[in-house]
Amino acid sequence: MTKKDLIEKVAKKSSLTKRAAADAVNSTFNLINDALVRGEKVIITGFGTFLIRSRAARRGRNPQTGQVIQIPQKKTPGFTAGKTLKRKIK
C-alpha cells in the first residue's frame, strides 16, 4: 500500500474529501516525524511504537579493498509492533 492508497482508503472510510484525508495523513506522519526528531517515543496503542535506536560505532571492512574502516555511531528510526498487531498478523 502506498501513501496515495492510504489517503484514498482514509477518505472512503471516514467520508472525507481526498484533500482532507491527505491533510490528516500528512499531519499524522509529520507529528510522528517531529516527535522522533526530538528524541521522543511515539506509542500508538494497538498498533506499535516508533522510536530512535542508537547503533554503536564498529569496525567494518571495505568489500572492494578489504581495508578495515571505522563505522561511526548513528541513530536510526525503529518500529516495534504491538501485541494486538502481532496477533492479527499470525
PDB file of N, CA and C in Angstrom:
ATOM      1  N   MET A   1       0.853  -1.172   0.000  1.00  0.00           N
ATOM      2  CA  MET A   1       0.000   0.000   0.000  1.00  0.00           C
ATOM      3  C   MET A   1       0.900   1.236   0.000  1.00  0.00           C
ATOM      4  N   THR A   2       0.600   2.138  -0.904  1.00  0.00           N
ATOM      5  CA  THR A   2       1.348   3.379  -0.986  1.00  0.00           C
ATOM      6  C   THR A   2       0.634   4.462  -0.179  1.00  0.00           C
ATOM      7  N   LYS A   3       1.292   5.607  -0.039  1.00  0.00           N
ATOM      8  CA  LYS A   3       0.689   6.714   0.691  1.00  0.00           C
ATOM      9  C   LYS A   3      -0.589   7.174  -0.019  1.00  0.00           C
ATOM     10  N   LYS A   4      -0.564   7.179  -1.333  1.00  0.00           N
ATOM     11  CA  LYS A   4      -1.740   7.569  -2.119  1.00  0.00           C
ATOM     12  C   LYS A   4      -2.911   6.610  -1.841  1.00  0.00           C
ATOM     13  N   ASP A   5      -2.625   5.302  -1.804  1.00  0.00           N
ATOM     14  CA  ASP A   5      -3.665   4.311  -1.496  1.00  0.00           C
ATOM     15  C   ASP A   5      -4.221   4.533  -0.096  1.00  0.00           C
ATOM     16  N   LEU A   6      -3.334   4.818   0.850  1.00  0.00           N
ATOM     17  CA  LEU A   6      -3.754   5.063   2.229  1.00  0.00           C
ATOM     18  C   LEU A   6      -4.695   6.266   2.295  1.00  0.00           C
ATOM     19  N   ILE A   7      -4.348   7.337   1.595  1.00  0.00           N
ATOM     20  CA  ILE A   7      -5.186   8.536   1.587  1.00  0.00           C
ATOM     21  C   ILE A   7      -6.560   8.227   1.005  1.00  0.00           C
ATOM     22  N   GLU A   8      -6.604   7.470  -0.080  1.00  0.00           N
ATOM     23  CA  GLU A   8      -7.884   7.106  -0.696  1.00  0.00           C
ATOM     24  C   GLU A   8      -8.742   6.272   0.250  1.00  0.00           C
ATOM     25  N   LYS A   9      -8.132   5.324   0.943  1.00  0.00           N
ATOM     26  CA  LYS A   9      -8.887   4.476   1.871  1.00  0.00           C
ATOM     27  C   LYS A   9      -9.387   5.267   3.078  1.00  0.00           C
ATOM     28  N   VAL A  10      -8.566   6.182   3.585  1.00  0.00           N
ATOM     29  CA  VAL A  10      -8.991   7.030   4.705  1.00  0.00           C
ATOM     30  C   VAL A  10     -10.161   7.901   4.264  1.00  0.00           C
ATOM     31  N   ALA A  11     -10.091   8.437   3.064  1.00  0.00           N
ATOM     32  CA  ALA A  11     -11.166   9.284   2.547  1.00  0.00           C
ATOM     33  C   ALA A  11     -12.477   8.511   2.452  1.00  0.00           C
ATOM     34  N   LYS A  12     -12.402   7.281   1.932  1.00  0.00           N
ATOM     35  CA  LYS A  12     -13.615   6.457   1.806  1.00  0.00           C
ATOM     36  C   LYS A  12     -14.183   6.068   3.165  1.00  0.00           C
ATOM     37  N   LYS A  13     -13.314   5.599   4.018  1.00  0.00           N
ATOM     38  CA  LYS A  13     -13.753   5.065   5.309  1.00  0.00           C
ATOM     39  C   LYS A  13     -14.317   6.146   6.227  1.00  0.00           C
ATOM     40  N   SER A  14     -13.796   7.363   6.141  1.00  0.00           N
ATOM     41  CA  SER A  14     -14.228   8.402   7.067  1.00  0.00           C
ATOM     42  C   SER A  14     -15.122   9.456   6.410  1.00  0.00           C
ATOM     43  N   SER A  15     -15.511   9.219   5.178  1.00  0.00           N
ATOM     44  CA  SER A  15     -16.383  10.149   4.439  1.00  0.00           C
ATOM     45  C   SER A  15     -15.788  11.550   4.348  1.00  0.00           C
ATOM     46  N   LEU A  16     -14.496  11.616   4.106  1.00  0.00           N
ATOM     47  CA  LEU A  16     -13.795  12.887   3.930  1.00  0.00           C
ATOM     48  C   LEU A  16     -13.455  13.066   2.450  1.00  0.00           C
ATOM     49  N   THR A  17     -13.169  14.299   2.075  1.00  0.00           N
ATOM     50  CA  THR A  17     -12.652  14.522   0.739  1.00  0.00           C
ATOM     51  C   THR A  17     -11.216  14.017   0.701  1.00  0.00           C
ATOM     52  N   LYS A  18     -10.707  13.786  -0.504  1.00  0.00           N
ATOM     53  CA  LYS A  18      -9.325  13.315  -0.611  1.00  0.00           C
ATOM     54  C   LYS A  18      -8.349  14.356  -0.066  1.00  0.00           C
ATOM     55  N   ARG A  19      -8.665  15.627  -0.251  1.00  0.00           N
ATOM     56  CA  ARG A  19      -7.787  16.684   0.248  1.00  0.00           C
ATOM     57  C   ARG A  19      -7.757  16.669   1.777  1.00  0.00           C
ATOM     58  N   ALA A  20      -8.926  16.507   2.409  1.00  0.00           N
ATOM     59  CA  ALA A  20      -8.983  16.473   3.871  1.00  0.00           C
ATOM     60  C   ALA A  20      -8.280  15.219   4.400  1.00  0.00           C
ATOM     61  N   ALA A  21      -8.465  14.098   3.702  1.00  0.00           N
ATOM     62  CA  ALA A  21      -7.804  12.860   4.112  1.00  0.00           C
ATOM     63  C   ALA A  21      -6.295  12.993   3.949  1.00  0.00           C
ATOM     64  N   ALA A  22      -5.850  13.624   2.873  1.00  0.00           N
ATOM     65  CA  ALA A  22      -4.414  13.826   2.656  1.00  0.00           C
ATOM     66  C   ALA A  22      -3.837  14.704   3.762  1.00  0.00           C
ATOM     67  N   ASP A  23      -4.569  15.748   4.140  1.00  0.00           N
ATOM     68  CA  ASP A  23      -4.107  16.615   5.237  1.00  0.00           C
ATOM     69  C   ASP A  23      -3.988  15.835   6.534  1.00  0.00           C
ATOM     70  N   ALA A  24      -4.964  14.965   6.804  1.00  0.00           N
ATOM     71  CA  ALA A  24      -4.951  14.171   8.033  1.00  0.00           C
ATOM     72  C   ALA A  24      -3.769  13.201   8.045  1.00  0.00           C
ATOM     73  N   VAL A  25      -3.569  12.500   6.947  1.00  0.00           N
ATOM     74  CA  VAL A  25      -2.472  11.525   6.863  1.00  0.00           C
ATOM     75  C   VAL A  25      -1.121  12.244   6.951  1.00  0.00           C
ATOM     76  N   ASN A  26      -0.964  13.319   6.204  1.00  0.00           N
ATOM     77  CA  ASN A  26       0.297  14.063   6.233  1.00  0.00           C
ATOM     78  C   ASN A  26       0.570  14.662   7.612  1.00  0.00           C
ATOM     79  N   SER A  27      -0.470  15.158   8.264  1.00  0.00           N
ATOM     80  CA  SER A  27      -0.298  15.711   9.614  1.00  0.00           C
ATOM     81  C   SER A  27       0.146  14.628  10.588  1.00  0.00           C
ATOM     82  N   THR A  28      -0.440  13.454  10.480  1.00  0.00           N
ATOM     83  CA  THR A  28      -0.068  12.343  11.351  1.00  0.00           C
ATOM     84  C   THR A  28       1.397  11.977  11.152  1.00  0.00           C
ATOM     85  N   PHE A  29       1.808  11.815   9.899  1.00  0.00           N
ATOM     86  CA  PHE A  29       3.209  11.473   9.623  1.00  0.00           C
ATOM     87  C   PHE A  29       4.153  12.571  10.084  1.00  0.00           C
ATOM     88  N   ASN A  30       3.776  13.837   9.883  1.00  0.00           N
ATOM     89  CA  ASN A  30       4.623  14.944  10.311  1.00  0.00           C
ATOM     90  C   ASN A  30       4.769  14.994  11.831  1.00  0.00           C
ATOM     91  N   LEU A  31       3.684  14.715  12.548  1.00  0.00           N
ATOM     92  CA  LEU A  31       3.755  14.712  14.011  1.00  0.00           C
ATOM     93  C   LEU A  31       4.660  13.587  14.517  1.00  0.00           C
ATOM     94  N   ILE A  32       4.562  12.411  13.897  1.00  0.00           N
ATOM     95  CA  ILE A  32       5.436  11.296  14.275  1.00  0.00           C
ATOM     96  C   ILE A  32       6.888  11.671  13.976  1.00  0.00           C
ATOM     97  N   ASN A  33       7.112  12.227  12.805  1.00  0.00           N
ATOM     98  CA  ASN A  33       8.454  12.652  12.403  1.00  0.00           C
ATOM     99  C   ASN A  33       9.029  13.669  13.386  1.00  0.00           C
ATOM    100  N   ASP A  34       8.256  14.692  13.732  1.00  0.00           N
ATOM    101  CA  ASP A  34       8.720  15.732  14.655  1.00  0.00           C
ATOM    102  C   ASP A  34       9.052  15.162  16.029  1.00  0.00           C
ATOM    103  N   ALA A  35       8.221  14.251  16.514  1.00  0.00           N
ATOM    104  CA  ALA A  35       8.467  13.639  17.827  1.00  0.00           C
ATOM    105  C   ALA A  35       9.764  12.831  17.810  1.00  0.00           C
ATOM    106  N   LEU A  36      10.006  12.087  16.735  1.00  0.00           N
ATOM    107  CA  LEU A  36      11.233  11.292  16.647  1.00  0.00           C
ATOM    108  C   LEU A  36      12.460  12.191  16.566  1.00  0.00           C
ATOM    109  N   VAL A  37      12.364  13.297  15.853  1.00  0.00           N
ATOM    110  CA  VAL A  37      13.482  14.235  15.765  1.00  0.00           C
ATOM    111  C   VAL A  37      13.824  14.791  17.149  1.00  0.00           C
ATOM    112  N   ARG A  38      12.799  15.001  17.982  1.00  0.00           N
ATOM    113  CA  ARG A  38      13.036  15.485  19.354  1.00  0.00           C
ATOM    114  C   ARG A  38      13.512  14.367  20.280  1.00  0.00           C
ATOM    115  N   GLY A  39      13.558  13.127  19.796  1.00  0.00           N
ATOM    116  CA  GLY A  39      14.025  12.004  20.606  1.00  0.00           C
ATOM    117  C   GLY A  39      12.938  11.340  21.425  1.00  0.00           C
ATOM    118  N   GLU A  40      11.679  11.640  21.145  1.00  0.00           N
ATOM    119  CA  GLU A  40      10.559  11.065  21.894  1.00  0.00           C
ATOM    120  C   GLU A  40      10.093   9.767  21.252  1.00  0.00           C
ATOM    121  N   LYS A  41       9.490   8.905  22.069  1.00  0.00           N
ATOM    122  CA  LYS A  41       8.823   7.709  21.575  1.00  0.00           C
ATOM    123  C   LYS A  41       7.419   8.075  21.150  1.00  0.00           C
ATOM    124  N   VAL A  42       6.915   7.408  20.140  1.00  0.00           N
ATOM    125  CA  VAL A  42       5.522   7.588  19.735  1.00  0.00           C
ATOM    126  C   VAL A  42       4.850   6.227  19.901  1.00  0.00           C
ATOM    127  N   ILE A  43       3.922   6.138  20.867  1.00  0.00           N
ATOM    128  CA  ILE A  43       3.242   4.883  21.169  1.00  0.00           C
ATOM    129  C   ILE A  43       1.811   4.985  20.667  1.00  0.00           C
ATOM    130  N   ILE A  44       1.450   4.098  19.752  1.00  0.00           N
ATOM    131  CA  ILE A  44       0.086   4.029  19.242  1.00  0.00           C
ATOM    132  C   ILE A  44      -0.488   2.710  19.739  1.00  0.00           C
ATOM    133  N   THR A  45      -1.327   2.803  20.750  1.00  0.00           N
ATOM    134  CA  THR A  45      -1.876   1.610  21.396  1.00  0.00           C
ATOM    135  C   THR A  45      -2.608   0.756  20.371  1.00  0.00           C
ATOM    136  N   GLY A  46      -2.324  -0.534  20.387  1.00  0.00           N
ATOM    137  CA  GLY A  46      -2.951  -1.471  19.464  1.00  0.00           C
ATOM    138  C   GLY A  46      -2.232  -1.584  18.138  1.00  0.00           C
ATOM    139  N   PHE A  47      -1.252  -0.712  17.892  1.00  0.00           N
ATOM    140  CA  PHE A  47      -0.517  -0.746  16.629  1.00  0.00           C
ATOM    141  C   PHE A  47       0.970  -0.986  16.858  1.00  0.00           C
ATOM    142  N   GLY A  48       1.628  -0.063  17.568  1.00  0.00           N
ATOM    143  CA  GLY A  48       3.051  -0.245  17.811  1.00  0.00           C
ATOM    144  C   GLY A  48       3.714   1.011  18.333  1.00  0.00           C
ATOM    145  N   THR A  49       5.040   0.960  18.388  1.00  0.00           N
ATOM    146  CA  THR A  49       5.832   2.045  18.934  1.00  0.00           C
ATOM    147  C   THR A  49       6.918   2.447  17.945  1.00  0.00           C
ATOM    148  N   PHE A  50       6.990   3.739  17.662  1.00  0.00           N
ATOM    149  CA  PHE A  50       8.075   4.297  16.861  1.00  0.00           C
ATOM    150  C   PHE A  50       9.086   4.876  17.834  1.00  0.00           C
ATOM    151  N   LEU A  51      10.388   4.620  17.605  1.00  0.00           N
ATOM    152  CA  LEU A  51      11.418   5.118  18.496  1.00  0.00           C
ATOM    153  C   LEU A  51      12.724   5.281  17.749  1.00  0.00           C
ATOM    154  N   ILE A  52      13.667   5.962  18.377  1.00  0.00           N
ATOM    155  CA  ILE A  52      15.001   6.146  17.817  1.00  0.00           C
ATOM    156  C   ILE A  52      15.927   5.130  18.468  1.00  0.00           C
ATOM    157  N   ARG A  53      16.661   4.407  17.639  1.00  0.00           N
ATOM    158  CA  ARG A  53      17.631   3.431  18.137  1.00  0.00           C
ATOM    159  C   ARG A  53      19.039   3.934  17.831  1.00  0.00           C
ATOM    160  N   SER A  54      19.938   3.697  18.753  1.00  0.00           N
ATOM    161  CA  SER A  54      21.343   4.075  18.543  1.00  0.00           C
ATOM    162  C   SER A  54      22.124   2.842  18.135  1.00  0.00           C
ATOM    163  N   ARG A  55      22.898   2.987  17.072  1.00  0.00           N
ATOM    164  CA  ARG A  55      23.784   1.905  16.636  1.00  0.00           C
ATOM    165  C   ARG A  55      25.191   2.288  17.068  1.00  0.00           C
ATOM    166  N   ALA A  56      25.845   1.407  17.772  1.00  0.00           N
ATOM    167  CA  ALA A  56      27.183   1.675  18.301  1.00  0.00           C
ATOM    168  C   ALA A  56      28.202   1.753  17.166  1.00  0.00           C
ATOM    169  N   ALA A  57      29.291   2.480  17.410  1.00  0.00           N
ATOM    170  CA  ALA A  57      30.398   2.522  16.457  1.00  0.00           C
ATOM    171  C   ALA A  57      30.998   1.126  16.372  1.00  0.00           C
ATOM    172  N   ARG A  58      31.454   0.777  15.169  1.00  0.00           N
ATOM    173  CA  ARG A  58      32.006  -0.569  14.998  1.00  0.00           C
ATOM    174  C   ARG A  58      33.012  -0.574  13.856  1.00  0.00           C
ATOM    175  N   ARG A  59      33.725  -1.655  13.766  1.00  0.00           N
ATOM    176  CA  ARG A  59      34.680  -1.822  12.675  1.00  0.00           C
ATOM    177  C   ARG A  59      33.969  -2.511  11.519  1.00  0.00           C
ATOM    178  N   GLY A  60      34.308  -2.092  10.329  1.00  0.00           N
ATOM    179  CA  GLY A  60      33.774  -2.728   9.134  1.00  0.00           C
ATOM    180  C   GLY A  60      34.903  -2.981   8.164  1.00  0.00           C
ATOM    181  N   ARG A  61      34.553  -3.532   7.019  1.00  0.00           N
ATOM    182  CA  ARG A  61      35.565  -3.840   6.032  1.00  0.00           C
ATOM    183  C   ARG A  61      35.061  -3.378   4.669  1.00  0.00           C
ATOM    184  N   ASN A  62      35.893  -2.645   3.954  1.00  0.00           N
ATOM    185  CA  ASN A  62      35.559  -2.230   2.604  1.00  0.00           C
ATOM    186  C   ASN A  62      35.590  -3.470   1.716  1.00  0.00           C
ATOM    187  N   PRO A  63      34.458  -3.841   1.103  1.00  0.00           N
ATOM    188  CA  PRO A  63      34.434  -5.084   0.325  1.00  0.00           C
ATOM    189  C   PRO A  63      35.315  -5.050  -0.930  1.00  0.00           C
ATOM    190  N   GLN A  64      35.603  -3.863  -1.452  1.00  0.00           N
ATOM    191  CA  GLN A  64      36.427  -3.778  -2.658  1.00  0.00           C
ATOM    192  C   GLN A  64      37.912  -3.908  -2.355  1.00  0.00           C
ATOM    193  N   THR A  65      38.355  -3.275  -1.276  1.00  0.00           N
ATOM    194  CA  THR A  65      39.794  -3.270  -0.979  1.00  0.00           C
ATOM    195  C   THR A  65      40.163  -4.187   0.177  1.00  0.00           C
ATOM    196  N   GLY A  66      39.186  -4.569   0.998  1.00  0.00           N
ATOM    197  CA  GLY A  66      39.485  -5.384   2.170  1.00  0.00           C
ATOM    198  C   GLY A  66      40.027  -4.570   3.324  1.00  0.00           C
ATOM    199  N   GLN A  67      40.125  -3.261   3.167  1.00  0.00           N
ATOM    200  CA  GLN A  67      40.670  -2.383   4.197  1.00  0.00           C
ATOM    201  C   GLN A  67      39.685  -2.265   5.361  1.00  0.00           C
ATOM    202  N   VAL A  68      40.210  -2.301   6.588  1.00  0.00           N
ATOM    203  CA  VAL A  68      39.387  -2.141   7.784  1.00  0.00           C
ATOM    204  C   VAL A  68      39.060  -0.663   7.936  1.00  0.00           C
ATOM    205  N   ILE A  69      37.779  -0.362   8.156  1.00  0.00           N
ATOM    206  CA  ILE A  69      37.347   1.019   8.349  1.00  0.00           C
ATOM    207  C   ILE A  69      36.536   1.121   9.624  1.00  0.00           C
ATOM    208  N   GLN A  70      36.459   2.327  10.160  1.00  0.00           N
ATOM    209  CA  GLN A  70      35.663   2.575  11.367  1.00  0.00           C
ATOM    210  C   GLN A  70      34.314   3.123  10.932  1.00  0.00           C
ATOM    211  N   ILE A  71      33.244   2.463  11.326  1.00  0.00           N
ATOM    212  CA  ILE A  71      31.892   2.924  11.036  1.00  0.00           C
ATOM    213  C   ILE A  71      31.414   3.691  12.267  1.00  0.00           C
ATOM    214  N   PRO A  72      31.048   4.977  12.101  1.00  0.00           N
ATOM    215  CA  PRO A  72      30.679   5.794  13.264  1.00  0.00           C
ATOM    216  C   PRO A  72      29.312   5.416  13.844  1.00  0.00           C
ATOM    217  N   GLN A  73      29.101   5.836  15.079  1.00  0.00           N
ATOM    218  CA  GLN A  73      27.813   5.640  15.742  1.00  0.00           C
ATOM    219  C   GLN A  73      26.761   6.456  15.002  1.00  0.00           C
ATOM    220  N   LYS A  74      25.534   5.936  14.924  1.00  0.00           N
ATOM    221  CA  LYS A  74      24.458   6.729  14.341  1.00  0.00           C
ATOM    222  C   LYS A  74      23.127   6.317  14.924  1.00  0.00           C
ATOM    223  N   LYS A  75      22.162   7.186  14.746  1.00  0.00           N
ATOM    224  CA  LYS A  75      20.815   6.937  15.225  1.00  0.00           C
ATOM    225  C   LYS A  75      19.935   6.570  14.043  1.00  0.00           C
ATOM    226  N   THR A  76      19.047   5.597  14.237  1.00  0.00           N
ATOM    227  CA  THR A  76      18.135   5.184  13.182  1.00  0.00           C
ATOM    228  C   THR A  76      16.724   5.081  13.750  1.00  0.00           C
ATOM    229  N   PRO A  77      15.711   5.361  12.924  1.00  0.00           N
ATOM    230  CA  PRO A  77      14.347   5.183  13.399  1.00  0.00           C
ATOM    231  C   PRO A  77      14.010   3.698  13.451  1.00  0.00           C
ATOM    232  N   GLY A  78      13.172   3.345  14.406  1.00  0.00           N
ATOM    233  CA  GLY A  78      12.768   1.958  14.544  1.00  0.00           C
ATOM    234  C   GLY A  78      11.287   1.849  14.838  1.00  0.00           C
ATOM    235  N   PHE A  79      10.738   0.685  14.584  1.00  0.00           N
ATOM    236  CA  PHE A  79       9.338   0.415  14.864  1.00  0.00           C
ATOM    237  C   PHE A  79       9.237  -0.950  15.503  1.00  0.00           C
ATOM    238  N   THR A  80       8.460  -1.034  16.563  1.00  0.00           N
ATOM    239  CA  THR A  80       8.172  -2.306  17.213  1.00  0.00           C
ATOM    240  C   THR A  80       6.670  -2.503  17.181  1.00  0.00           C
ATOM    241  N   ALA A  81       6.233  -3.599  16.598  1.00  0.00           N
ATOM    242  CA  ALA A  81       4.805  -3.874  16.502  1.00  0.00           C
ATOM    243  C   ALA A  81       4.236  -4.190  17.878  1.00  0.00           C
ATOM    244  N   GLY A  82       3.007  -3.743  18.123  1.00  0.00           N
ATOM    245  CA  GLY A  82       2.324  -4.011  19.383  1.00  0.00           C
ATOM    246  C   GLY A  82       1.729  -5.407  19.411  1.00  0.00           C
ATOM    247  N   LYS A  83       1.305  -5.841  20.580  1.00  0.00           N
ATOM    248  CA  LYS A  83       0.746  -7.186  20.757  1.00  0.00           C
ATOM    249  C   LYS A  83      -0.474  -7.409  19.877  1.00  0.00           C
ATOM    250  N   THR A  84      -1.353  -6.413  19.816  1.00  0.00           N
ATOM    251  CA  THR A  84      -2.581  -6.560  19.035  1.00  0.00           C
ATOM    252  C   THR A  84      -2.262  -6.765  17.563  1.00  0.00           C
ATOM    253  N   LEU A  85      -1.349  -5.989  17.030  1.00  0.00           N
ATOM    254  CA  LEU A  85      -0.953  -6.118  15.613  1.00  0.00           C
ATOM    255  C   LEU A  85      -0.299  -7.465  15.359  1.00  0.00           C
ATOM    256  N   LYS A  86       0.555  -7.906  16.272  1.00  0.00           N
ATOM    257  CA  LYS A  86       1.223  -9.198  16.122  1.00  0.00           C
ATOM    258  C   LYS A  86       0.211 -10.332  16.094  1.00  0.00           C
ATOM    259  N   ARG A  87      -0.803 -10.262  16.959  1.00  0.00           N
ATOM    260  CA  ARG A  87      -1.844 -11.297  16.989  1.00  0.00           C
ATOM    261  C   ARG A  87      -2.642 -11.326  15.705  1.00  0.00           C
ATOM    262  N   LYS A  88      -2.957 -10.159  15.157  1.00  0.00           N
ATOM    263  CA  LYS A  88      -3.734 -10.107  13.926  1.00  0.00           C
ATOM    264  C   LYS A  88      -2.989 -10.652  12.732  1.00  0.00           C
ATOM    265  N   ILE A  89      -1.670 -10.510  12.727  1.00  0.00           N
ATOM    266  CA  ILE A  89      -0.868 -10.971  11.603  1.00  0.00           C
ATOM    267  C   ILE A  89      -0.693 -12.484  11.612  1.00  0.00           C
ATOM    268  N   LYS A  90      -0.682 -13.084  12.770  1.00  0.00           N
ATOM    269  CA  LYS A  90      -0.484 -14.542  12.875  1.00  0.00           C
ATOM    270  C   LYS A  90      -1.517 -15.307  12.145  1.00  0.00           C
TER     271      LYS A  90
END
